[in-house]
Amino acid sequence: MAITPQQFKQIQERLRAPRRMATAVFEGTPPVNGSSHQVILGLDPSLRGTGYGVIRWSRPDPKTMAHGTISCPAVWARSRCLVKIVQVLREVLKAHQPTVCIVEGLFYAQNLQTAQIMGEARGAALSAIAEAGVEIYEVAPRKVKQAIVGYGAAQKFAVAKMVQRMLRLSEPPEPDAADALALALTHGQAQGRYALQAPKRL
């Protein structure tokens, strides 16, 4: 079939033009957090017992660097508890220098006063983390249980036992510390995976 000189010129221009590459299915959705974090801080805030856990992430054996509970007696004023939470977390950040923090998602309690007190503890903890320039992400409690135990409604003791096993600890951590370590492990497991819904950054 004959073509005109103008049509021939258009074909040549198309051939010389750079080819467009196909767009990746997950383009715009990078691996969780966009980079691999080696030292991860998990945080389970509470006024009377804030759990924290720091791990060095590596496959197949993540290592525990520190974990514990920031305990405040019931007789302490709330303001004193908030100060202690900030002070202890500053020490943990200075000692271990995590590059990311994973905090448990908000639990909307039916009791308004309880929710307010939890919010105060969470705010104090997050301010200390943000002050150090550490990235903060939030994970829902159910997702953590699903990732660690395989069941979103798992009990605390089941989470603690699984954390003990995954980190090869001599005994199960205290409940609040176990929850914090579970948060860190959940984040570590998610690194490098593509997700349709990225974790919420605070």
N, C-alpha and C. Protein backbone atom coordinates (compact mmCIF):
# COMPACT_ATOMS: atom_id res chain seq x y z
N MET A 1 0.86 -1.19 0.00
CA MET A 1 0.00 0.00 0.00
C MET A 1 0.89 1.23 0.00
N ALA A 2 0.62 2.17 -0.88
CA ALA A 2 1.44 3.38 -1.01
C ALA A 2 1.16 4.33 0.13
N ILE A 3 2.21 5.06 0.58
CA ILE A 3 2.05 6.09 1.60
C ILE A 3 2.59 7.40 1.07
N THR A 4 2.10 8.47 1.57
CA THR A 4 2.54 9.79 1.12
C THR A 4 3.85 10.15 1.81
N PRO A 5 4.60 11.10 1.25
CA PRO A 5 5.84 11.55 1.92
C PRO A 5 5.60 12.07 3.33
N GLN A 6 4.44 12.70 3.55
CA GLN A 6 4.13 13.22 4.89
C GLN A 6 3.92 12.09 5.89
N GLN A 7 3.23 11.01 5.46
CA GLN A 7 3.02 9.85 6.33
C GLN A 7 4.34 9.17 6.65
N PHE A 8 5.23 9.08 5.65
CA PHE A 8 6.54 8.46 5.86
C PHE A 8 7.36 9.24 6.90
N LYS A 9 7.26 10.59 6.82
CA LYS A 9 7.98 11.44 7.76
C LYS A 9 7.45 11.23 9.18
N GLN A 10 6.13 11.08 9.33
CA GLN A 10 5.54 10.85 10.65
C GLN A 10 5.98 9.53 11.25
N ILE A 11 6.10 8.50 10.40
CA ILE A 11 6.56 7.19 10.88
C ILE A 11 7.99 7.29 11.39
N GLN A 12 8.84 8.00 10.66
CA GLN A 12 10.23 8.17 11.08
C GLN A 12 10.33 8.89 12.42
N GLU A 13 9.49 9.91 12.61
CA GLU A 13 9.51 10.65 13.86
C GLU A 13 9.10 9.77 15.04
N ARG A 14 8.11 8.90 14.82
CA ARG A 14 7.67 7.99 15.88
C ARG A 14 8.78 7.02 16.26
N LEU A 15 9.51 6.54 15.26
CA LEU A 15 10.59 5.58 15.53
C LEU A 15 11.74 6.22 16.28
N ARG A 16 11.98 7.51 16.01
CA ARG A 16 13.09 8.20 16.69
C ARG A 16 12.71 8.62 18.11
N ALA A 17 11.43 8.76 18.40
CA ALA A 17 10.99 9.20 19.73
C ALA A 17 11.31 8.14 20.79
N PRO A 18 11.71 8.56 22.00
CA PRO A 18 12.01 7.57 23.07
C PRO A 18 10.78 6.77 23.43
N ARG A 19 10.99 5.48 23.67
CA ARG A 19 9.89 4.59 24.00
C ARG A 19 9.45 4.82 25.45
N ARG A 20 8.15 4.81 25.69
CA ARG A 20 7.63 4.95 27.04
C ARG A 20 7.61 3.59 27.73
N MET A 21 8.15 3.57 28.91
CA MET A 21 8.19 2.33 29.66
C MET A 21 6.85 2.09 30.34
N ALA A 22 6.52 0.84 30.52
CA ALA A 22 5.28 0.50 31.23
C ALA A 22 5.38 0.91 32.68
N THR A 23 4.29 1.37 33.25
CA THR A 23 4.26 1.78 34.65
C THR A 23 4.11 0.57 35.55
N ALA A 24 4.93 0.50 36.58
CA ALA A 24 4.86 -0.62 37.51
C ALA A 24 3.52 -0.62 38.23
N VAL A 25 3.03 -1.79 38.54
CA VAL A 25 1.73 -1.90 39.20
C VAL A 25 1.72 -1.15 40.51
N PHE A 26 2.84 -1.21 41.27
CA PHE A 26 2.88 -0.59 42.59
C PHE A 26 3.63 0.73 42.59
N GLU A 27 3.77 1.36 41.40
CA GLU A 27 4.47 2.62 41.36
C GLU A 27 3.76 3.63 42.24
N GLY A 28 4.51 4.38 43.03
CA GLY A 28 3.90 5.30 43.96
C GLY A 28 3.60 4.68 45.30
N THR A 29 3.80 3.38 45.42
CA THR A 29 3.63 2.70 46.70
C THR A 29 4.92 1.97 47.03
N PRO A 30 5.91 2.68 47.59
CA PRO A 30 7.20 2.08 47.85
C PRO A 30 7.11 1.06 48.97
N PRO A 31 8.17 0.29 49.15
CA PRO A 31 8.18 -0.61 50.29
C PRO A 31 7.90 0.17 51.57
N VAL A 32 7.38 -0.51 52.56
CA VAL A 32 6.99 0.16 53.79
C VAL A 32 8.11 1.04 54.30
N ASN A 33 7.79 2.33 54.53
CA ASN A 33 8.70 3.36 55.02
C ASN A 33 9.74 3.78 54.01
N GLY A 34 9.77 3.14 52.84
CA GLY A 34 10.66 3.57 51.79
C GLY A 34 12.12 3.20 51.99
N SER A 35 12.46 2.68 53.14
CA SER A 35 13.85 2.30 53.38
C SER A 35 13.89 1.24 54.46
N SER A 36 15.05 0.65 54.61
CA SER A 36 15.19 -0.41 55.59
C SER A 36 15.74 0.16 56.90
N HIS A 37 14.98 0.06 57.95
CA HIS A 37 15.42 0.54 59.25
C HIS A 37 16.02 -0.61 60.04
N GLN A 38 17.22 -0.39 60.56
CA GLN A 38 17.90 -1.45 61.29
C GLN A 38 17.55 -1.45 62.77
N VAL A 39 17.40 -0.28 63.37
CA VAL A 39 17.08 -0.18 64.79
C VAL A 39 15.68 0.39 64.93
N ILE A 40 14.78 -0.40 65.48
CA ILE A 40 13.36 -0.06 65.53
C ILE A 40 12.90 0.03 66.98
N LEU A 41 12.20 1.11 67.29
CA LEU A 41 11.62 1.30 68.62
C LEU A 41 10.12 1.07 68.56
N GLY A 42 9.64 0.12 69.36
CA GLY A 42 8.21 -0.10 69.51
C GLY A 42 7.74 0.58 70.78
N LEU A 43 6.53 1.15 70.73
CA LEU A 43 6.07 1.94 71.87
C LEU A 43 4.58 1.69 72.12
N ASP A 44 4.26 1.34 73.36
CA ASP A 44 2.87 1.11 73.78
C ASP A 44 2.57 2.07 74.93
N PRO A 45 2.10 3.29 74.62
CA PRO A 45 1.96 4.32 75.65
C PRO A 45 0.80 4.08 76.61
N SER A 46 1.03 4.39 77.87
CA SER A 46 0.01 4.34 78.91
C SER A 46 0.53 5.17 80.08
N LEU A 47 -0.37 5.82 80.79
CA LEU A 47 0.06 6.72 81.86
C LEU A 47 0.81 5.97 82.96
N ARG A 48 0.30 4.81 83.38
CA ARG A 48 0.91 4.08 84.49
C ARG A 48 1.91 3.01 84.06
N GLY A 49 1.88 2.64 82.79
CA GLY A 49 2.79 1.59 82.34
C GLY A 49 3.05 1.66 80.85
N THR A 50 3.97 2.53 80.42
CA THR A 50 4.33 2.66 79.01
C THR A 50 5.37 1.60 78.66
N GLY A 51 5.03 0.73 77.73
CA GLY A 51 5.97 -0.29 77.30
C GLY A 51 6.83 0.19 76.15
N TYR A 52 8.10 -0.18 76.17
CA TYR A 52 8.99 0.15 75.05
C TYR A 52 9.85 -1.07 74.73
N GLY A 53 10.27 -1.16 73.50
CA GLY A 53 11.13 -2.26 73.08
C GLY A 53 11.95 -1.83 71.88
N VAL A 54 13.23 -2.06 71.93
CA VAL A 54 14.13 -1.69 70.84
C VAL A 54 14.77 -2.96 70.29
N ILE A 55 14.68 -3.13 68.97
CA ILE A 55 15.30 -4.29 68.34
C ILE A 55 16.21 -3.84 67.21
N ARG A 56 17.21 -4.67 66.94
CA ARG A 56 18.01 -4.49 65.72
C ARG A 56 17.48 -5.51 64.73
N TRP A 57 16.88 -5.02 63.66
CA TRP A 57 16.22 -5.91 62.72
C TRP A 57 17.22 -6.55 61.77
N SER A 58 17.14 -7.85 61.65
CA SER A 58 17.92 -8.60 60.66
C SER A 58 17.22 -9.93 60.45
N ARG A 59 17.33 -10.45 59.27
CA ARG A 59 16.75 -11.76 58.97
C ARG A 59 17.85 -12.81 59.00
N PRO A 60 17.60 -13.97 59.56
CA PRO A 60 16.33 -14.42 60.12
C PRO A 60 16.21 -14.17 61.62
N ASP A 61 17.22 -13.56 62.24
CA ASP A 61 17.23 -13.45 63.70
C ASP A 61 17.36 -12.01 64.16
N PRO A 62 16.23 -11.32 64.40
CA PRO A 62 16.30 -9.98 64.99
C PRO A 62 16.82 -10.06 66.42
N LYS A 63 17.49 -9.01 66.86
CA LYS A 63 18.09 -9.00 68.19
C LYS A 63 17.43 -7.95 69.08
N THR A 64 17.24 -8.30 70.34
CA THR A 64 16.70 -7.35 71.32
C THR A 64 17.83 -6.47 71.85
N MET A 65 17.63 -5.17 71.80
CA MET A 65 18.61 -4.24 72.34
C MET A 65 18.18 -3.75 73.73
N ALA A 66 16.89 -3.54 73.92
CA ALA A 66 16.39 -3.09 75.22
C ALA A 66 14.87 -3.24 75.23
N HIS A 67 14.32 -3.46 76.41
CA HIS A 67 12.87 -3.44 76.56
C HIS A 67 12.55 -3.23 78.03
N GLY A 68 11.37 -2.69 78.28
CA GLY A 68 10.98 -2.44 79.65
C GLY A 68 9.65 -1.72 79.73
N THR A 69 9.28 -1.37 80.94
CA THR A 69 8.03 -0.67 81.20
C THR A 69 8.32 0.56 82.05
N ILE A 70 7.82 1.70 81.61
CA ILE A 70 7.95 2.93 82.40
C ILE A 70 6.78 2.97 83.36
N SER A 71 7.02 2.50 84.56
CA SER A 71 5.95 2.35 85.55
C SER A 71 5.84 3.59 86.43
N CYS A 72 4.60 3.98 86.70
CA CYS A 72 4.33 5.12 87.57
C CYS A 72 3.29 4.70 88.61
N PRO A 73 3.60 4.85 89.89
CA PRO A 73 2.64 4.46 90.94
C PRO A 73 1.33 5.22 90.84
N ALA A 74 0.28 4.59 91.30
CA ALA A 74 -1.05 5.19 91.24
C ALA A 74 -1.15 6.48 92.05
N VAL A 75 -0.27 6.63 93.06
CA VAL A 75 -0.33 7.83 93.91
C VAL A 75 0.31 9.05 93.24
N TRP A 76 1.04 8.83 92.15
CA TRP A 76 1.68 9.94 91.47
C TRP A 76 0.65 10.78 90.74
N ALA A 77 0.87 12.08 90.71
CA ALA A 77 0.05 12.97 89.90
C ALA A 77 0.30 12.69 88.42
N ARG A 78 -0.68 12.94 87.59
CA ARG A 78 -0.54 12.66 86.16
C ARG A 78 0.64 13.43 85.56
N SER A 79 0.82 14.66 85.99
CA SER A 79 1.90 15.48 85.44
C SER A 79 3.27 14.85 85.72
N ARG A 80 3.41 14.25 86.90
CA ARG A 80 4.68 13.60 87.25
C ARG A 80 4.93 12.38 86.37
N CYS A 81 3.86 11.65 86.08
CA CYS A 81 3.98 10.48 85.19
C CYS A 81 4.42 10.90 83.80
N LEU A 82 3.85 11.98 83.30
CA LEU A 82 4.18 12.45 81.95
C LEU A 82 5.65 12.85 81.86
N VAL A 83 6.14 13.50 82.91
CA VAL A 83 7.56 13.89 82.94
C VAL A 83 8.45 12.65 82.91
N LYS A 84 8.09 11.63 83.69
CA LYS A 84 8.91 10.42 83.72
C LYS A 84 8.92 9.72 82.35
N ILE A 85 7.77 9.67 81.69
CA ILE A 85 7.70 9.05 80.36
C ILE A 85 8.68 9.73 79.42
N VAL A 86 8.65 11.06 79.40
CA VAL A 86 9.54 11.82 78.52
C VAL A 86 11.01 11.58 78.88
N GLN A 87 11.33 11.62 80.16
CA GLN A 87 12.72 11.46 80.59
C GLN A 87 13.29 10.09 80.23
N VAL A 88 12.52 9.04 80.50
CA VAL A 88 13.00 7.69 80.21
C VAL A 88 13.15 7.48 78.70
N LEU A 89 12.19 7.95 77.94
CA LEU A 89 12.28 7.76 76.49
C LEU A 89 13.46 8.53 75.90
N ARG A 90 13.77 9.68 76.45
CA ARG A 90 14.96 10.42 75.99
C ARG A 90 16.22 9.60 76.24
N GLU A 91 16.27 8.94 77.38
CA GLU A 91 17.44 8.10 77.69
C GLU A 91 17.53 6.91 76.72
N VAL A 92 16.39 6.30 76.44
CA VAL A 92 16.35 5.16 75.51
C VAL A 92 16.79 5.60 74.12
N LEU A 93 16.30 6.74 73.67
CA LEU A 93 16.67 7.26 72.35
C LEU A 93 18.16 7.57 72.27
N LYS A 94 18.69 8.15 73.32
CA LYS A 94 20.12 8.49 73.34
C LYS A 94 20.99 7.25 73.35
N ALA A 95 20.57 6.23 74.09
CA ALA A 95 21.38 5.02 74.22
C ALA A 95 21.37 4.16 72.96
N HIS A 96 20.23 4.09 72.27
CA HIS A 96 20.10 3.13 71.18
C HIS A 96 19.89 3.74 69.80
N GLN A 97 19.56 5.01 69.75
CA GLN A 97 19.44 5.77 68.51
C GLN A 97 18.63 5.05 67.43
N PRO A 98 17.38 4.74 67.70
CA PRO A 98 16.54 4.13 66.67
C PRO A 98 16.28 5.11 65.54
N THR A 99 16.01 4.59 64.36
CA THR A 99 15.72 5.45 63.21
C THR A 99 14.23 5.51 62.91
N VAL A 100 13.45 4.68 63.58
CA VAL A 100 12.00 4.69 63.38
C VAL A 100 11.32 4.21 64.65
N CYS A 101 10.13 4.75 64.90
CA CYS A 101 9.33 4.35 66.06
C CYS A 101 7.97 3.89 65.57
N ILE A 102 7.50 2.77 66.11
CA ILE A 102 6.18 2.25 65.79
C ILE A 102 5.34 2.31 67.06
N VAL A 103 4.25 3.02 66.98
CA VAL A 103 3.40 3.20 68.15
C VAL A 103 2.06 2.49 67.92
N GLU A 104 1.50 1.97 68.99
CA GLU A 104 0.22 1.29 68.87
C GLU A 104 -0.88 2.31 68.56
N GLY A 105 -1.77 1.93 67.65
CA GLY A 105 -2.87 2.81 67.27
C GLY A 105 -3.78 3.12 68.43
N LEU A 106 -4.49 4.22 68.30
CA LEU A 106 -5.39 4.66 69.37
C LEU A 106 -6.49 3.64 69.64
N PHE A 107 -6.75 3.45 70.90
CA PHE A 107 -7.87 2.60 71.32
C PHE A 107 -8.96 3.51 71.87
N TYR A 108 -10.09 3.53 71.20
CA TYR A 108 -11.15 4.44 71.61
C TYR A 108 -11.99 3.80 72.72
N ALA A 109 -11.60 4.09 73.94
CA ALA A 109 -12.31 3.52 75.10
C ALA A 109 -13.67 4.19 75.25
N GLN A 110 -14.60 3.46 75.83
CA GLN A 110 -15.93 4.01 76.06
C GLN A 110 -15.90 5.08 77.15
N ASN A 111 -14.95 4.96 78.07
CA ASN A 111 -14.82 5.92 79.16
C ASN A 111 -14.03 7.14 78.67
N LEU A 112 -14.66 8.29 78.64
CA LEU A 112 -14.03 9.49 78.11
C LEU A 112 -12.80 9.89 78.93
N GLN A 113 -12.87 9.74 80.25
CA GLN A 113 -11.75 10.12 81.11
C GLN A 113 -10.54 9.22 80.83
N THR A 114 -10.80 7.92 80.65
CA THR A 114 -9.71 7.00 80.33
C THR A 114 -9.06 7.37 79.00
N ALA A 115 -9.88 7.70 78.01
CA ALA A 115 -9.35 8.08 76.70
C ALA A 115 -8.51 9.35 76.80
N GLN A 116 -8.95 10.28 77.65
CA GLN A 116 -8.20 11.53 77.82
C GLN A 116 -6.83 11.25 78.46
N ILE A 117 -6.82 10.42 79.49
CA ILE A 117 -5.56 10.10 80.17
C ILE A 117 -4.61 9.36 79.22
N MET A 118 -5.15 8.43 78.46
CA MET A 118 -4.32 7.71 77.48
C MET A 118 -3.75 8.67 76.45
N GLY A 119 -4.57 9.65 76.05
CA GLY A 119 -4.11 10.64 75.08
C GLY A 119 -2.98 11.49 75.61
N GLU A 120 -3.04 11.81 76.90
CA GLU A 120 -1.96 12.60 77.51
C GLU A 120 -0.64 11.82 77.50
N ALA A 121 -0.70 10.56 77.87
CA ALA A 121 0.51 9.72 77.89
C ALA A 121 1.07 9.55 76.48
N ARG A 122 0.19 9.32 75.54
CA ARG A 122 0.60 9.16 74.14
C ARG A 122 1.25 10.44 73.62
N GLY A 123 0.65 11.59 73.96
CA GLY A 123 1.21 12.86 73.51
C GLY A 123 2.59 13.12 74.08
N ALA A 124 2.77 12.82 75.36
CA ALA A 124 4.08 13.01 75.99
C ALA A 124 5.13 12.12 75.33
N ALA A 125 4.76 10.86 75.08
CA ALA A 125 5.69 9.91 74.46
C ALA A 125 6.06 10.34 73.05
N LEU A 126 5.06 10.71 72.27
CA LEU A 126 5.31 11.09 70.88
C LEU A 126 6.13 12.37 70.78
N SER A 127 5.94 13.28 71.72
CA SER A 127 6.73 14.52 71.69
C SER A 127 8.21 14.23 71.91
N ALA A 128 8.50 13.28 72.80
CA ALA A 128 9.90 12.91 73.05
C ALA A 128 10.52 12.26 71.82
N ILE A 129 9.75 11.42 71.13
CA ILE A 129 10.25 10.76 69.93
C ILE A 129 10.46 11.77 68.82
N ALA A 130 9.47 12.63 68.61
CA ALA A 130 9.57 13.63 67.54
C ALA A 130 10.70 14.61 67.80
N GLU A 131 10.94 14.94 69.06
CA GLU A 131 12.02 15.85 69.44
C GLU A 131 13.37 15.32 68.95
N ALA A 132 13.51 13.99 68.95
CA ALA A 132 14.77 13.38 68.51
C ALA A 132 14.86 13.23 66.99
N GLY A 133 13.82 13.64 66.28
CA GLY A 133 13.84 13.56 64.83
C GLY A 133 13.61 12.17 64.28
N VAL A 134 12.99 11.31 65.07
CA VAL A 134 12.76 9.92 64.65
C VAL A 134 11.41 9.82 63.94
N GLU A 135 11.37 9.09 62.83
CA GLU A 135 10.11 8.86 62.13
C GLU A 135 9.16 8.07 63.02
N ILE A 136 7.87 8.40 62.98
CA ILE A 136 6.88 7.72 63.80
C ILE A 136 5.77 7.18 62.91
N TYR A 137 5.46 5.90 63.09
CA TYR A 137 4.36 5.27 62.36
C TYR A 137 3.41 4.61 63.35
N GLU A 138 2.18 4.47 62.92
CA GLU A 138 1.14 3.90 63.77
C GLU A 138 0.62 2.59 63.17
N VAL A 139 0.43 1.60 64.02
CA VAL A 139 -0.12 0.31 63.59
C VAL A 139 -1.26 -0.07 64.53
N ALA A 140 -2.35 -0.54 63.97
CA ALA A 140 -3.50 -0.95 64.78
C ALA A 140 -3.16 -2.20 65.58
N PRO A 141 -3.63 -2.30 66.82
CA PRO A 141 -3.34 -3.47 67.66
C PRO A 141 -3.71 -4.79 66.99
N ARG A 142 -4.81 -4.82 66.29
CA ARG A 142 -5.26 -6.05 65.64
C ARG A 142 -4.27 -6.52 64.57
N LYS A 143 -3.70 -5.56 63.85
CA LYS A 143 -2.73 -5.91 62.81
C LYS A 143 -1.45 -6.48 63.42
N VAL A 144 -1.08 -5.95 64.58
CA VAL A 144 0.12 -6.45 65.26
C VAL A 144 -0.09 -7.90 65.69
N LYS A 145 -1.24 -8.17 66.30
CA LYS A 145 -1.55 -9.54 66.73
C LYS A 145 -1.61 -10.50 65.54
N GLN A 146 -2.17 -10.02 64.44
CA GLN A 146 -2.25 -10.85 63.24
C GLN A 146 -0.86 -11.17 62.72
N ALA A 147 0.04 -10.19 62.74
CA ALA A 147 1.39 -10.38 62.22
C ALA A 147 2.23 -11.29 63.12
N ILE A 148 2.04 -11.19 64.43
CA ILE A 148 2.90 -11.93 65.37
C ILE A 148 2.33 -13.31 65.68
N VAL A 149 1.03 -13.37 65.96
CA VAL A 149 0.42 -14.63 66.40
C VAL A 149 -0.35 -15.31 65.27
N GLY A 150 -0.80 -14.50 64.30
CA GLY A 150 -1.60 -15.05 63.22
C GLY A 150 -3.08 -14.98 63.49
N TYR A 151 -3.44 -14.26 64.57
CA TYR A 151 -4.84 -14.15 64.97
C TYR A 151 -5.06 -12.77 65.56
N GLY A 152 -5.96 -11.98 64.94
CA GLY A 152 -6.14 -10.59 65.32
C GLY A 152 -6.73 -10.34 66.69
N ALA A 153 -7.31 -11.38 67.31
CA ALA A 153 -7.90 -11.22 68.64
C ALA A 153 -7.12 -12.01 69.68
N ALA A 154 -5.85 -12.25 69.43
CA ALA A 154 -5.02 -13.03 70.35
C ALA A 154 -4.89 -12.34 71.71
N GLN A 155 -4.73 -13.13 72.76
CA GLN A 155 -4.56 -12.61 74.11
C GLN A 155 -3.13 -12.13 74.31
N LYS A 156 -2.96 -11.30 75.36
CA LYS A 156 -1.64 -10.73 75.63
C LYS A 156 -0.58 -11.80 75.89
N PHE A 157 -0.95 -12.85 76.61
CA PHE A 157 0.04 -13.88 76.95
C PHE A 157 0.54 -14.59 75.69
N ALA A 158 -0.36 -14.74 74.69
CA ALA A 158 0.03 -15.39 73.44
C ALA A 158 1.01 -14.51 72.67
N VAL A 159 0.78 -13.20 72.69
CA VAL A 159 1.71 -12.26 72.04
C VAL A 159 3.07 -12.32 72.73
N ALA A 160 3.07 -12.31 74.06
CA ALA A 160 4.32 -12.33 74.82
C ALA A 160 5.12 -13.61 74.54
N LYS A 161 4.43 -14.74 74.49
CA LYS A 161 5.12 -16.01 74.23
C LYS A 161 5.73 -16.03 72.83
N MET A 162 5.01 -15.49 71.86
CA MET A 162 5.52 -15.47 70.49
C MET A 162 6.70 -14.52 70.35
N VAL A 163 6.62 -13.38 71.04
CA VAL A 163 7.74 -12.44 71.04
C VAL A 163 8.97 -13.10 71.66
N GLN A 164 8.77 -13.81 72.76
CA GLN A 164 9.87 -14.53 73.39
C GLN A 164 10.52 -15.49 72.41
N ARG A 165 9.70 -16.21 71.69
CA ARG A 165 10.22 -17.19 70.73
C ARG A 165 10.96 -16.51 69.57
N MET A 166 10.37 -15.46 69.02
CA MET A 166 10.98 -14.78 67.86
C MET A 166 12.31 -14.11 68.20
N LEU A 167 12.41 -13.60 69.44
CA LEU A 167 13.62 -12.90 69.85
C LEU A 167 14.55 -13.77 70.68
N ARG A 168 14.15 -15.04 70.89
CA ARG A 168 14.96 -16.00 71.63
C ARG A 168 15.31 -15.48 73.03
N LEU A 169 14.30 -14.98 73.71
CA LEU A 169 14.49 -14.48 75.07
C LEU A 169 14.38 -15.63 76.06
N SER A 170 15.03 -15.48 77.20
CA SER A 170 15.01 -16.56 78.20
C SER A 170 13.64 -16.71 78.86
N GLU A 171 12.86 -15.61 78.89
CA GLU A 171 11.53 -15.66 79.48
C GLU A 171 10.65 -14.63 78.78
N PRO A 172 9.34 -14.77 78.87
CA PRO A 172 8.45 -13.79 78.23
C PRO A 172 8.64 -12.40 78.83
N PRO A 173 8.62 -11.36 78.03
CA PRO A 173 8.72 -10.00 78.57
C PRO A 173 7.45 -9.63 79.34
N GLU A 174 7.53 -8.58 80.12
CA GLU A 174 6.34 -8.04 80.77
C GLU A 174 5.33 -7.67 79.70
N PRO A 175 4.03 -7.72 80.03
CA PRO A 175 2.99 -7.52 79.01
C PRO A 175 3.14 -6.26 78.17
N ASP A 176 3.38 -5.11 78.83
CA ASP A 176 3.50 -3.85 78.07
C ASP A 176 4.75 -3.83 77.21
N ALA A 177 5.85 -4.36 77.73
CA ALA A 177 7.08 -4.43 76.96
C ALA A 177 6.93 -5.42 75.80
N ALA A 178 6.21 -6.51 76.04
CA ALA A 178 5.97 -7.51 74.98
C ALA A 178 5.19 -6.88 73.83
N ASP A 179 4.18 -6.08 74.17
CA ASP A 179 3.40 -5.40 73.13
C ASP A 179 4.29 -4.46 72.32
N ALA A 180 5.20 -3.76 73.01
CA ALA A 180 6.09 -2.83 72.32
C ALA A 180 7.06 -3.58 71.38
N LEU A 181 7.60 -4.69 71.87
CA LEU A 181 8.48 -5.51 71.02
C LEU A 181 7.72 -6.08 69.83
N ALA A 182 6.47 -6.45 70.06
CA ALA A 182 5.64 -6.97 68.97
C ALA A 182 5.44 -5.91 67.89
N LEU A 183 5.27 -4.66 68.31
CA LEU A 183 5.14 -3.57 67.35
C LEU A 183 6.40 -3.44 66.50
N ALA A 184 7.56 -3.49 67.16
CA ALA A 184 8.83 -3.38 66.44
C ALA A 184 9.01 -4.54 65.47
N LEU A 185 8.67 -5.75 65.90
CA LEU A 185 8.80 -6.92 65.04
C LEU A 185 7.86 -6.84 63.84
N THR A 186 6.66 -6.35 64.08
CA THR A 186 5.69 -6.21 62.99
C THR A 186 6.23 -5.27 61.92
N HIS A 187 6.83 -4.18 62.36
CA HIS A 187 7.39 -3.23 61.40
C HIS A 187 8.57 -3.85 60.66
N GLY A 188 9.40 -4.58 61.38
CA GLY A 188 10.54 -5.22 60.73
C GLY A 188 10.11 -6.22 59.67
N GLN A 189 9.10 -7.00 59.97
CA GLN A 189 8.60 -7.99 59.02
C GLN A 189 8.04 -7.33 57.76
N ALA A 190 7.49 -6.13 57.92
CA ALA A 190 6.85 -5.45 56.79
C ALA A 190 7.86 -4.75 55.88
N GLN A 191 9.09 -4.58 56.32
CA GLN A 191 10.07 -3.86 55.52
C GLN A 191 10.36 -4.61 54.22
N GLY A 192 10.42 -3.83 53.15
CA GLY A 192 10.72 -4.41 51.85
C GLY A 192 9.53 -4.99 51.14
N ARG A 193 8.37 -5.04 51.81
CA ARG A 193 7.18 -5.56 51.16
C ARG A 193 6.37 -4.40 50.57
N TYR A 194 5.73 -4.69 49.45
CA TYR A 194 4.84 -3.70 48.87
C TYR A 194 3.47 -3.85 49.51
N ALA A 195 2.85 -2.73 49.78
CA ALA A 195 1.54 -2.78 50.43
C ALA A 195 0.57 -1.86 49.71
N LEU A 196 -0.66 -2.30 49.58
CA LEU A 196 -1.69 -1.47 48.97
C LEU A 196 -2.01 -0.29 49.87
N GLN A 197 -1.83 -0.45 51.17
CA GLN A 197 -2.08 0.63 52.12
C GLN A 197 -0.85 0.81 52.99
N ALA A 198 -0.17 1.96 52.80
CA ALA A 198 1.04 2.24 53.55
C ALA A 198 0.69 2.51 55.00
N PRO A 199 1.62 2.25 55.93
CA PRO A 199 1.35 2.53 57.34
C PRO A 199 1.16 4.03 57.56
N LYS A 200 0.38 4.38 58.54
CA LYS A 200 0.08 5.78 58.82
C LYS A 200 1.25 6.44 59.53
N ARG A 201 1.74 7.50 58.94
CA ARG A 201 2.85 8.24 59.57
C ARG A 201 2.30 9.38 60.40
N LEU A 202 2.82 9.52 61.61
CA LEU A 202 2.35 10.56 62.52
C LEU A 202 3.28 11.77 62.51
